[in-house]
Amino acid sequence: MKTERIILGIDPGTTIMGFGLIRVENKKMHFMQLNELLLSKYSDPYVKLKLIFERTIELIDTYHPDEIAIEAPFFGKNVQSMLKLGRAQGVAMAAGLSRQIPITEYLPKKIKMAITGNGNASKEQVAKMLQSVLGLKELPKNLDSTDGLAAAVCHFYNSGTVSVGKSYTGWDAFVKQNPAKVKAP
């Protein structure tokens, strides 16, 4: 494993996509950036997906992350919401895979547990812990960006462990690990 690497964390969403970047040097993490892509002003769901893909590619081309950590959609009662979130996550993953960047998914509870020690922590608790650990001067109004940053920090904390979630190093790896999701021509 390289002694220096950049991790991009993504909290996918169709209203707000949050993201954060950390740089790891000599096993110590340093805050780089957190921000969000506001999508609520767009009514067309396909435009939203296009913007998620383009913003993810822009982040990759600007910061050259070595790894991507992404929050996996949680299983809720609203099937339509899950479908929308799954599409947003898939588009962000496709952007990373198109650039051959390894991707690891983390369940929201695992991210919260890694950051706060409590898998049921609130967004505010996660944000406050990140502020403390990374020395952030202030927190953003929307906490979707801190959720993206939390995915990156969770990945840092889980680096080197045997099981960190589902990882894909490219399309070939995705196809091999998900034969039921691939349709033959």
N, C-alpha and C. Protein backbone atom coordinates (compact mmCIF):
# COMPACT_ATOMS: atom_id res chain seq x y z
N MET A 1 0.84 -1.18 0.00
CA MET A 1 0.00 0.00 0.00
C MET A 1 0.88 1.25 0.00
N LYS A 2 0.52 2.23 -0.82
CA LYS A 2 1.27 3.47 -0.89
C LYS A 2 1.26 4.19 0.46
N THR A 3 2.34 4.96 0.72
CA THR A 3 2.35 5.72 1.97
C THR A 3 1.53 7.00 1.84
N GLU A 4 1.28 7.44 0.61
CA GLU A 4 0.42 8.59 0.39
C GLU A 4 -0.69 8.21 -0.57
N ARG A 5 -1.92 8.55 -0.20
CA ARG A 5 -3.06 8.27 -1.06
C ARG A 5 -4.17 9.25 -0.76
N ILE A 6 -5.07 9.37 -1.72
CA ILE A 6 -6.23 10.25 -1.57
C ILE A 6 -7.48 9.39 -1.64
N ILE A 7 -8.40 9.64 -0.71
CA ILE A 7 -9.67 8.91 -0.66
C ILE A 7 -10.80 9.89 -0.90
N LEU A 8 -11.65 9.58 -1.87
CA LEU A 8 -12.86 10.35 -2.16
C LEU A 8 -14.03 9.61 -1.53
N GLY A 9 -14.76 10.28 -0.67
CA GLY A 9 -15.96 9.71 -0.07
C GLY A 9 -17.19 10.35 -0.68
N ILE A 10 -18.19 9.54 -0.98
CA ILE A 10 -19.41 10.04 -1.63
C ILE A 10 -20.65 9.57 -0.88
N ASP A 11 -21.54 10.52 -0.62
CA ASP A 11 -22.87 10.22 -0.10
C ASP A 11 -23.84 10.50 -1.25
N PRO A 12 -24.23 9.46 -1.99
CA PRO A 12 -25.05 9.70 -3.18
C PRO A 12 -26.46 10.14 -2.81
N GLY A 13 -27.01 10.97 -3.65
CA GLY A 13 -28.39 11.42 -3.44
C GLY A 13 -28.89 12.08 -4.70
N THR A 14 -30.21 12.13 -4.86
CA THR A 14 -30.77 12.77 -6.04
C THR A 14 -31.23 14.19 -5.73
N THR A 15 -31.18 14.59 -4.47
CA THR A 15 -31.46 15.97 -4.10
C THR A 15 -30.15 16.69 -3.80
N ILE A 16 -29.31 16.03 -3.00
CA ILE A 16 -27.96 16.54 -2.69
C ILE A 16 -27.00 15.37 -2.71
N MET A 17 -25.90 15.50 -3.46
CA MET A 17 -24.82 14.52 -3.40
C MET A 17 -23.71 15.16 -2.58
N GLY A 18 -23.36 14.53 -1.48
CA GLY A 18 -22.28 15.04 -0.64
C GLY A 18 -20.99 14.31 -0.94
N PHE A 19 -19.88 15.03 -0.84
CA PHE A 19 -18.58 14.39 -1.03
C PHE A 19 -17.52 15.04 -0.17
N GLY A 20 -16.52 14.26 0.15
CA GLY A 20 -15.39 14.75 0.93
C GLY A 20 -14.13 14.03 0.50
N LEU A 21 -13.02 14.73 0.65
CA LEU A 21 -11.72 14.17 0.28
C LEU A 21 -10.75 14.27 1.45
N ILE A 22 -10.01 13.18 1.65
CA ILE A 22 -8.92 13.22 2.62
C ILE A 22 -7.65 12.71 1.94
N ARG A 23 -6.53 13.20 2.43
CA ARG A 23 -5.22 12.75 1.97
C ARG A 23 -4.61 11.98 3.14
N VAL A 24 -4.07 10.82 2.84
CA VAL A 24 -3.44 9.99 3.86
C VAL A 24 -1.94 10.00 3.61
N GLU A 25 -1.17 10.44 4.59
CA GLU A 25 0.29 10.42 4.52
C GLU A 25 0.82 9.74 5.77
N ASN A 26 1.65 8.74 5.57
CA ASN A 26 2.25 8.02 6.70
C ASN A 26 1.22 7.60 7.75
N LYS A 27 0.12 7.03 7.27
CA LYS A 27 -0.96 6.50 8.12
C LYS A 27 -1.68 7.59 8.92
N LYS A 28 -1.56 8.84 8.50
CA LYS A 28 -2.27 9.95 9.16
C LYS A 28 -3.14 10.65 8.11
N MET A 29 -4.39 10.93 8.48
CA MET A 29 -5.28 11.56 7.51
C MET A 29 -5.29 13.07 7.67
N HIS A 30 -5.46 13.74 6.52
CA HIS A 30 -5.52 15.19 6.46
C HIS A 30 -6.74 15.58 5.64
N PHE A 31 -7.51 16.53 6.15
CA PHE A 31 -8.68 17.03 5.44
C PHE A 31 -8.26 17.79 4.19
N MET A 32 -8.95 17.52 3.08
CA MET A 32 -8.71 18.25 1.84
C MET A 32 -9.90 19.14 1.49
N GLN A 33 -11.08 18.53 1.36
CA GLN A 33 -12.24 19.29 0.93
C GLN A 33 -13.52 18.54 1.25
N LEU A 34 -14.61 19.29 1.44
CA LEU A 34 -15.94 18.70 1.45
C LEU A 34 -16.86 19.70 0.77
N ASN A 35 -17.85 19.16 0.07
CA ASN A 35 -18.76 20.01 -0.66
C ASN A 35 -19.97 19.18 -1.06
N GLU A 36 -20.87 19.79 -1.78
CA GLU A 36 -22.06 19.07 -2.21
C GLU A 36 -22.49 19.55 -3.58
N LEU A 37 -23.20 18.69 -4.24
CA LEU A 37 -23.80 19.00 -5.53
C LEU A 37 -25.29 19.11 -5.28
N LEU A 38 -25.84 20.32 -5.48
CA LEU A 38 -27.26 20.56 -5.24
C LEU A 38 -28.05 20.21 -6.50
N LEU A 39 -28.95 19.27 -6.35
CA LEU A 39 -29.71 18.77 -7.50
C LEU A 39 -31.20 19.07 -7.43
N SER A 40 -31.66 19.66 -6.34
CA SER A 40 -33.10 19.86 -6.14
C SER A 40 -33.72 20.80 -7.17
N LYS A 41 -32.91 21.65 -7.79
CA LYS A 41 -33.47 22.60 -8.77
C LYS A 41 -33.75 21.95 -10.12
N TYR A 42 -33.35 20.69 -10.29
CA TYR A 42 -33.58 19.98 -11.55
C TYR A 42 -34.72 19.00 -11.36
N SER A 43 -35.69 19.04 -12.26
CA SER A 43 -36.84 18.14 -12.13
C SER A 43 -36.63 16.83 -12.90
N ASP A 44 -35.83 16.87 -13.96
CA ASP A 44 -35.61 15.68 -14.78
C ASP A 44 -34.63 14.73 -14.09
N PRO A 45 -35.08 13.51 -13.75
CA PRO A 45 -34.20 12.58 -13.04
C PRO A 45 -32.96 12.19 -13.85
N TYR A 46 -33.08 12.19 -15.16
CA TYR A 46 -31.94 11.81 -16.00
C TYR A 46 -30.89 12.91 -16.04
N VAL A 47 -31.33 14.14 -15.97
CA VAL A 47 -30.39 15.27 -15.88
C VAL A 47 -29.61 15.17 -14.56
N LYS A 48 -30.31 14.81 -13.49
CA LYS A 48 -29.66 14.66 -12.19
C LYS A 48 -28.57 13.59 -12.26
N LEU A 49 -28.88 12.45 -12.87
CA LEU A 49 -27.90 11.37 -12.99
C LEU A 49 -26.71 11.81 -13.83
N LYS A 50 -26.96 12.53 -14.90
CA LYS A 50 -25.88 13.04 -15.74
C LYS A 50 -24.97 13.98 -14.95
N LEU A 51 -25.57 14.86 -14.14
CA LEU A 51 -24.80 15.80 -13.33
C LEU A 51 -23.97 15.08 -12.25
N ILE A 52 -24.54 14.03 -11.66
CA ILE A 52 -23.79 13.23 -10.67
C ILE A 52 -22.58 12.60 -11.34
N PHE A 53 -22.78 12.03 -12.51
CA PHE A 53 -21.67 11.40 -13.24
C PHE A 53 -20.60 12.44 -13.57
N GLU A 54 -21.03 13.57 -14.14
CA GLU A 54 -20.07 14.61 -14.55
C GLU A 54 -19.30 15.19 -13.35
N ARG A 55 -19.99 15.42 -12.23
CA ARG A 55 -19.31 15.98 -11.04
C ARG A 55 -18.33 14.97 -10.47
N THR A 56 -18.70 13.71 -10.46
CA THR A 56 -17.79 12.67 -9.95
C THR A 56 -16.55 12.59 -10.83
N ILE A 57 -16.73 12.61 -12.14
CA ILE A 57 -15.58 12.60 -13.07
C ILE A 57 -14.71 13.84 -12.84
N GLU A 58 -15.34 14.99 -12.65
CA GLU A 58 -14.60 16.24 -12.41
C GLU A 58 -13.75 16.13 -11.13
N LEU A 59 -14.34 15.57 -10.07
CA LEU A 59 -13.60 15.37 -8.82
C LEU A 59 -12.42 14.43 -9.03
N ILE A 60 -12.65 13.36 -9.76
CA ILE A 60 -11.60 12.38 -10.03
C ILE A 60 -10.47 13.02 -10.84
N ASP A 61 -10.83 13.76 -11.88
CA ASP A 61 -9.82 14.37 -12.73
C ASP A 61 -9.08 15.51 -12.04
N THR A 62 -9.70 16.15 -11.06
CA THR A 62 -9.06 17.25 -10.34
C THR A 62 -8.16 16.75 -9.21
N TYR A 63 -8.66 15.81 -8.41
CA TYR A 63 -7.95 15.39 -7.20
C TYR A 63 -7.21 14.06 -7.32
N HIS A 64 -7.49 13.30 -8.36
CA HIS A 64 -6.84 12.01 -8.61
C HIS A 64 -6.87 11.08 -7.40
N PRO A 65 -8.08 10.77 -6.91
CA PRO A 65 -8.15 9.86 -5.76
C PRO A 65 -7.65 8.46 -6.12
N ASP A 66 -7.06 7.82 -5.13
CA ASP A 66 -6.59 6.44 -5.30
C ASP A 66 -7.69 5.44 -5.02
N GLU A 67 -8.67 5.86 -4.22
CA GLU A 67 -9.77 4.99 -3.82
C GLU A 67 -11.03 5.82 -3.64
N ILE A 68 -12.17 5.16 -3.81
CA ILE A 68 -13.46 5.81 -3.57
C ILE A 68 -14.22 4.98 -2.55
N ALA A 69 -14.76 5.67 -1.55
CA ALA A 69 -15.64 5.04 -0.56
C ALA A 69 -17.02 5.65 -0.75
N ILE A 70 -18.02 4.81 -0.86
CA ILE A 70 -19.36 5.31 -1.16
C ILE A 70 -20.37 4.71 -0.19
N GLU A 71 -21.29 5.55 0.26
CA GLU A 71 -22.33 5.05 1.15
C GLU A 71 -23.34 4.25 0.35
N ALA A 72 -23.61 3.05 0.80
CA ALA A 72 -24.58 2.17 0.13
C ALA A 72 -25.99 2.59 0.52
N PRO A 73 -26.94 2.45 -0.39
CA PRO A 73 -28.32 2.77 -0.04
C PRO A 73 -28.80 1.84 1.07
N PHE A 74 -29.53 2.40 2.01
CA PHE A 74 -30.07 1.57 3.09
C PHE A 74 -31.45 1.08 2.68
N PHE A 75 -31.85 -0.02 3.25
CA PHE A 75 -33.13 -0.62 2.90
C PHE A 75 -34.23 0.04 3.70
N GLY A 76 -35.04 0.82 3.00
CA GLY A 76 -36.15 1.52 3.64
C GLY A 76 -37.46 0.97 3.14
N LYS A 77 -38.52 1.59 3.59
CA LYS A 77 -39.85 1.14 3.19
C LYS A 77 -40.27 1.71 1.84
N ASN A 78 -39.69 2.86 1.46
CA ASN A 78 -40.07 3.50 0.22
C ASN A 78 -39.21 2.97 -0.93
N VAL A 79 -39.79 2.11 -1.74
CA VAL A 79 -39.07 1.46 -2.84
C VAL A 79 -38.61 2.49 -3.87
N GLN A 80 -39.44 3.48 -4.15
CA GLN A 80 -39.06 4.51 -5.13
C GLN A 80 -37.83 5.29 -4.69
N SER A 81 -37.77 5.63 -3.41
CA SER A 81 -36.60 6.35 -2.88
C SER A 81 -35.34 5.49 -3.00
N MET A 82 -35.47 4.21 -2.68
CA MET A 82 -34.32 3.30 -2.80
C MET A 82 -33.86 3.18 -4.24
N LEU A 83 -34.79 3.11 -5.15
CA LEU A 83 -34.45 3.01 -6.57
C LEU A 83 -33.68 4.26 -7.01
N LYS A 84 -34.17 5.43 -6.63
CA LYS A 84 -33.49 6.69 -6.99
C LYS A 84 -32.08 6.74 -6.39
N LEU A 85 -31.96 6.37 -5.12
CA LEU A 85 -30.64 6.37 -4.46
C LEU A 85 -29.70 5.37 -5.11
N GLY A 86 -30.24 4.20 -5.45
CA GLY A 86 -29.42 3.17 -6.10
C GLY A 86 -28.90 3.63 -7.45
N ARG A 87 -29.74 4.35 -8.17
CA ARG A 87 -29.30 4.89 -9.47
C ARG A 87 -28.20 5.93 -9.27
N ALA A 88 -28.38 6.82 -8.29
CA ALA A 88 -27.38 7.85 -8.01
C ALA A 88 -26.05 7.20 -7.62
N GLN A 89 -26.13 6.18 -6.77
CA GLN A 89 -24.92 5.47 -6.36
C GLN A 89 -24.28 4.78 -7.56
N GLY A 90 -25.08 4.14 -8.38
CA GLY A 90 -24.56 3.43 -9.55
C GLY A 90 -23.85 4.36 -10.52
N VAL A 91 -24.41 5.54 -10.73
CA VAL A 91 -23.79 6.50 -11.64
C VAL A 91 -22.45 6.98 -11.08
N ALA A 92 -22.40 7.26 -9.78
CA ALA A 92 -21.13 7.68 -9.17
C ALA A 92 -20.11 6.54 -9.24
N MET A 93 -20.56 5.31 -9.02
CA MET A 93 -19.66 4.15 -9.12
C MET A 93 -19.16 3.98 -10.55
N ALA A 94 -20.04 4.15 -11.52
CA ALA A 94 -19.65 4.02 -12.93
C ALA A 94 -18.57 5.04 -13.29
N ALA A 95 -18.69 6.24 -12.75
CA ALA A 95 -17.66 7.27 -13.01
C ALA A 95 -16.30 6.81 -12.49
N GLY A 96 -16.28 6.29 -11.26
CA GLY A 96 -15.03 5.79 -10.69
C GLY A 96 -14.49 4.59 -11.44
N LEU A 97 -15.37 3.66 -11.78
CA LEU A 97 -14.94 2.47 -12.51
C LEU A 97 -14.41 2.83 -13.90
N SER A 98 -14.98 3.87 -14.51
CA SER A 98 -14.50 4.27 -15.83
C SER A 98 -13.07 4.81 -15.78
N ARG A 99 -12.64 5.21 -14.59
CA ARG A 99 -11.27 5.69 -14.40
C ARG A 99 -10.39 4.66 -13.66
N GLN A 100 -10.91 3.43 -13.55
CA GLN A 100 -10.18 2.32 -12.93
C GLN A 100 -9.81 2.59 -11.46
N ILE A 101 -10.70 3.23 -10.73
CA ILE A 101 -10.45 3.52 -9.31
C ILE A 101 -11.20 2.50 -8.46
N PRO A 102 -10.52 1.84 -7.53
CA PRO A 102 -11.19 0.88 -6.66
C PRO A 102 -12.28 1.57 -5.83
N ILE A 103 -13.41 0.91 -5.71
CA ILE A 103 -14.56 1.45 -4.99
C ILE A 103 -14.96 0.48 -3.88
N THR A 104 -15.25 1.03 -2.70
CA THR A 104 -15.74 0.22 -1.60
C THR A 104 -17.03 0.84 -1.09
N GLU A 105 -18.05 0.00 -0.92
CA GLU A 105 -19.33 0.45 -0.38
C GLU A 105 -19.36 0.21 1.13
N TYR A 106 -19.99 1.14 1.83
CA TYR A 106 -20.19 0.99 3.28
C TYR A 106 -21.64 1.28 3.62
N LEU A 107 -22.21 0.44 4.45
CA LEU A 107 -23.56 0.69 4.94
C LEU A 107 -23.53 1.91 5.87
N PRO A 108 -24.61 2.70 5.90
CA PRO A 108 -24.63 3.88 6.76
C PRO A 108 -24.28 3.57 8.22
N LYS A 109 -24.80 2.45 8.75
CA LYS A 109 -24.50 2.10 10.15
C LYS A 109 -23.01 1.84 10.37
N LYS A 110 -22.35 1.24 9.39
CA LYS A 110 -20.91 0.97 9.52
C LYS A 110 -20.12 2.28 9.52
N ILE A 111 -20.54 3.23 8.69
CA ILE A 111 -19.87 4.54 8.64
C ILE A 111 -20.05 5.25 9.98
N LYS A 112 -21.28 5.28 10.48
CA LYS A 112 -21.56 5.94 11.76
C LYS A 112 -20.78 5.29 12.89
N MET A 113 -20.71 3.96 12.86
CA MET A 113 -19.97 3.23 13.89
C MET A 113 -18.48 3.58 13.84
N ALA A 114 -17.93 3.65 12.63
CA ALA A 114 -16.51 3.96 12.48
C ALA A 114 -16.18 5.36 12.97
N ILE A 115 -17.08 6.31 12.77
CA ILE A 115 -16.81 7.70 13.12
C ILE A 115 -17.12 7.99 14.59
N THR A 116 -18.27 7.51 15.07
CA THR A 116 -18.71 7.89 16.42
C THR A 116 -18.69 6.75 17.44
N GLY A 117 -18.58 5.51 16.95
CA GLY A 117 -18.69 4.37 17.86
C GLY A 117 -20.13 3.95 18.08
N ASN A 118 -21.08 4.62 17.41
CA ASN A 118 -22.49 4.33 17.56
C ASN A 118 -23.11 4.24 16.17
N GLY A 119 -23.58 3.05 15.79
CA GLY A 119 -24.17 2.84 14.48
C GLY A 119 -25.49 3.57 14.26
N ASN A 120 -26.06 4.10 15.34
CA ASN A 120 -27.33 4.84 15.23
C ASN A 120 -27.14 6.34 15.45
N ALA A 121 -25.91 6.82 15.34
CA ALA A 121 -25.62 8.24 15.57
C ALA A 121 -26.36 9.11 14.55
N SER A 122 -26.65 10.33 14.94
CA SER A 122 -27.31 11.28 14.05
C SER A 122 -26.28 11.90 13.10
N LYS A 123 -26.78 12.55 12.05
CA LYS A 123 -25.90 13.26 11.11
C LYS A 123 -25.09 14.32 11.87
N GLU A 124 -25.73 14.98 12.82
CA GLU A 124 -25.06 16.02 13.60
C GLU A 124 -23.92 15.45 14.44
N GLN A 125 -24.14 14.29 15.05
CA GLN A 125 -23.09 13.66 15.84
C GLN A 125 -21.90 13.26 14.97
N VAL A 126 -22.18 12.72 13.78
CA VAL A 126 -21.11 12.35 12.84
C VAL A 126 -20.33 13.60 12.44
N ALA A 127 -21.04 14.67 12.09
CA ALA A 127 -20.40 15.91 11.67
C ALA A 127 -19.52 16.49 12.78
N LYS A 128 -20.02 16.51 14.01
CA LYS A 128 -19.26 17.05 15.14
C LYS A 128 -17.99 16.23 15.40
N MET A 129 -18.09 14.92 15.27
CA MET A 129 -16.91 14.07 15.48
C MET A 129 -15.88 14.33 14.38
N LEU A 130 -16.33 14.46 13.14
CA LEU A 130 -15.41 14.77 12.03
C LEU A 130 -14.76 16.13 12.25
N GLN A 131 -15.55 17.09 12.74
CA GLN A 131 -15.01 18.42 13.02
C GLN A 131 -13.89 18.32 14.05
N SER A 132 -14.09 17.51 15.05
CA SER A 132 -13.09 17.33 16.10
C SER A 132 -11.85 16.60 15.59
N VAL A 133 -12.06 15.48 14.90
CA VAL A 133 -10.95 14.64 14.44
C VAL A 133 -10.10 15.33 13.37
N LEU A 134 -10.77 16.05 12.46
CA LEU A 134 -10.07 16.65 11.32
C LEU A 134 -9.78 18.14 11.51
N GLY A 135 -10.24 18.71 12.63
CA GLY A 135 -9.99 20.12 12.89
C GLY A 135 -10.71 21.07 11.95
N LEU A 136 -11.93 20.72 11.57
CA LEU A 136 -12.71 21.59 10.68
C LEU A 136 -13.13 22.84 11.44
N LYS A 137 -12.95 24.00 10.82
CA LYS A 137 -13.29 25.26 11.48
C LYS A 137 -14.79 25.42 11.68
N GLU A 138 -15.55 25.10 10.65
CA GLU A 138 -17.01 25.18 10.75
C GLU A 138 -17.64 24.06 9.94
N LEU A 139 -18.89 23.79 10.26
CA LEU A 139 -19.62 22.74 9.56
C LEU A 139 -20.56 23.37 8.53
N PRO A 140 -20.80 22.66 7.42
CA PRO A 140 -21.71 23.19 6.40
C PRO A 140 -23.15 23.17 6.89
N LYS A 141 -24.00 23.95 6.21
CA LYS A 141 -25.43 24.00 6.56
C LYS A 141 -26.07 22.64 6.35
N ASN A 142 -25.86 22.06 5.16
CA ASN A 142 -26.35 20.72 4.87
C ASN A 142 -25.26 19.73 5.28
N LEU A 143 -25.66 18.64 5.89
CA LEU A 143 -24.67 17.69 6.37
C LEU A 143 -24.42 16.53 5.40
N ASP A 144 -24.91 16.65 4.18
CA ASP A 144 -24.65 15.61 3.18
C ASP A 144 -23.16 15.57 2.84
N SER A 145 -22.51 16.74 2.84
CA SER A 145 -21.07 16.76 2.54
C SER A 145 -20.27 16.11 3.66
N THR A 146 -20.70 16.29 4.91
CA THR A 146 -19.98 15.60 6.00
C THR A 146 -20.25 14.10 5.94
N ASP A 147 -21.40 13.69 5.42
CA ASP A 147 -21.65 12.26 5.24
C ASP A 147 -20.70 11.67 4.19
N GLY A 148 -20.45 12.42 3.13
CA GLY A 148 -19.47 11.98 2.13
C GLY A 148 -18.07 11.90 2.73
N LEU A 149 -17.72 12.91 3.51
CA LEU A 149 -16.42 12.91 4.19
C LEU A 149 -16.33 11.74 5.16
N ALA A 150 -17.43 11.44 5.84
CA ALA A 150 -17.46 10.31 6.78
C ALA A 150 -17.18 8.99 6.07
N ALA A 151 -17.68 8.83 4.84
CA ALA A 151 -17.40 7.60 4.08
C ALA A 151 -15.91 7.46 3.83
N ALA A 152 -15.25 8.57 3.49
CA ALA A 152 -13.79 8.54 3.25
C ALA A 152 -13.03 8.20 4.53
N VAL A 153 -13.43 8.81 5.64
CA VAL A 153 -12.76 8.55 6.92
C VAL A 153 -13.01 7.11 7.38
N CYS A 154 -14.22 6.61 7.19
CA CYS A 154 -14.53 5.22 7.50
C CYS A 154 -13.62 4.29 6.71
N HIS A 155 -13.43 4.60 5.44
CA HIS A 155 -12.55 3.78 4.60
C HIS A 155 -11.12 3.81 5.12
N PHE A 156 -10.67 4.98 5.53
CA PHE A 156 -9.32 5.10 6.12
C PHE A 156 -9.21 4.22 7.36
N TYR A 157 -10.19 4.30 8.24
CA TYR A 157 -10.17 3.50 9.47
C TYR A 157 -10.21 2.00 9.19
N ASN A 158 -10.86 1.61 8.09
CA ASN A 158 -10.99 0.20 7.75
C ASN A 158 -9.89 -0.32 6.83
N SER A 159 -8.99 0.54 6.40
CA SER A 159 -7.90 0.12 5.52
C SER A 159 -7.03 -0.92 6.21
N GLY A 160 -6.74 -1.95 5.47
CA GLY A 160 -5.89 -3.00 6.03
C GLY A 160 -6.66 -4.09 6.74
N THR A 161 -7.97 -3.91 6.92
CA THR A 161 -8.75 -4.97 7.54
C THR A 161 -9.18 -5.95 6.46
N VAL A 162 -9.56 -7.13 6.86
CA VAL A 162 -9.88 -8.17 5.90
C VAL A 162 -11.18 -7.87 5.16
N SER A 163 -12.21 -7.45 5.88
CA SER A 163 -13.52 -7.24 5.25
C SER A 163 -13.94 -5.78 5.39
N VAL A 164 -13.96 -5.08 4.28
CA VAL A 164 -14.35 -3.67 4.32
C VAL A 164 -15.61 -3.38 3.53
N GLY A 165 -16.24 -4.39 3.04
CA GLY A 165 -17.44 -4.16 2.23
C GLY A 165 -17.21 -4.70 0.83
N LYS A 166 -18.08 -4.33 -0.07
CA LYS A 166 -17.94 -4.77 -1.45
C LYS A 166 -16.96 -3.85 -2.16
N SER A 167 -15.92 -4.42 -2.76
CA SER A 167 -14.94 -3.63 -3.48
C SER A 167 -14.88 -4.06 -4.93
N TYR A 168 -14.73 -3.09 -5.81
CA TYR A 168 -14.60 -3.36 -7.22
C TYR A 168 -13.42 -2.58 -7.76
N THR A 169 -12.53 -3.24 -8.50
CA THR A 169 -11.38 -2.56 -9.07
C THR A 169 -11.60 -2.17 -10.52
N GLY A 170 -12.70 -2.58 -11.10
CA GLY A 170 -13.02 -2.24 -12.48
C GLY A 170 -14.25 -3.02 -12.90
N TRP A 171 -14.64 -2.83 -14.16
CA TRP A 171 -15.83 -3.51 -14.65
C TRP A 171 -15.69 -5.03 -14.61
N ASP A 172 -14.50 -5.55 -14.93
CA ASP A 172 -14.30 -7.00 -14.90
C ASP A 172 -14.55 -7.56 -13.51
N ALA A 173 -14.03 -6.87 -12.50
CA ALA A 173 -14.22 -7.32 -11.11
C ALA A 173 -15.70 -7.25 -10.73
N PHE A 174 -16.37 -6.18 -11.15
CA PHE A 174 -17.80 -6.04 -10.84
C PHE A 174 -18.58 -7.20 -11.46
N VAL A 175 -18.31 -7.50 -12.73
CA VAL A 175 -19.02 -8.58 -13.43
C VAL A 175 -18.77 -9.92 -12.74
N LYS A 176 -17.50 -10.20 -12.37
CA LYS A 176 -17.18 -11.47 -11.71
C LYS A 176 -17.88 -11.61 -10.36
N GLN A 177 -18.00 -10.50 -9.62
CA GLN A 177 -18.60 -10.54 -8.29
C GLN A 177 -20.12 -10.44 -8.31
N ASN A 178 -20.69 -10.09 -9.47
CA ASN A 178 -22.14 -9.89 -9.56
C ASN A 178 -22.71 -10.55 -10.82
N PRO A 179 -22.52 -11.85 -11.01
CA PRO A 179 -23.00 -12.49 -12.24
C PRO A 179 -24.51 -12.38 -12.44
N ALA A 180 -25.27 -12.33 -11.35
CA ALA A 180 -26.73 -12.25 -11.47
C ALA A 180 -27.19 -10.88 -11.96
N LYS A 181 -26.33 -9.86 -11.83
CA LYS A 181 -26.72 -8.51 -12.26
C LYS A 181 -26.35 -8.24 -13.71
N VAL A 182 -25.68 -9.17 -14.34
CA VAL A 182 -25.21 -8.97 -15.71
C VAL A 182 -26.07 -9.79 -16.65
N LYS A 183 -26.57 -9.13 -17.69
CA LYS A 183 -27.42 -9.79 -18.66
C LYS A 183 -26.57 -10.14 -19.88
N ALA A 184 -26.66 -11.37 -20.34
CA ALA A 184 -25.91 -11.79 -21.54
C ALA A 184 -26.52 -11.13 -22.76
N PRO A 185 -25.67 -10.79 -23.76
CA PRO A 185 -26.18 -10.13 -24.97
C PRO A 185 -27.07 -11.03 -25.79
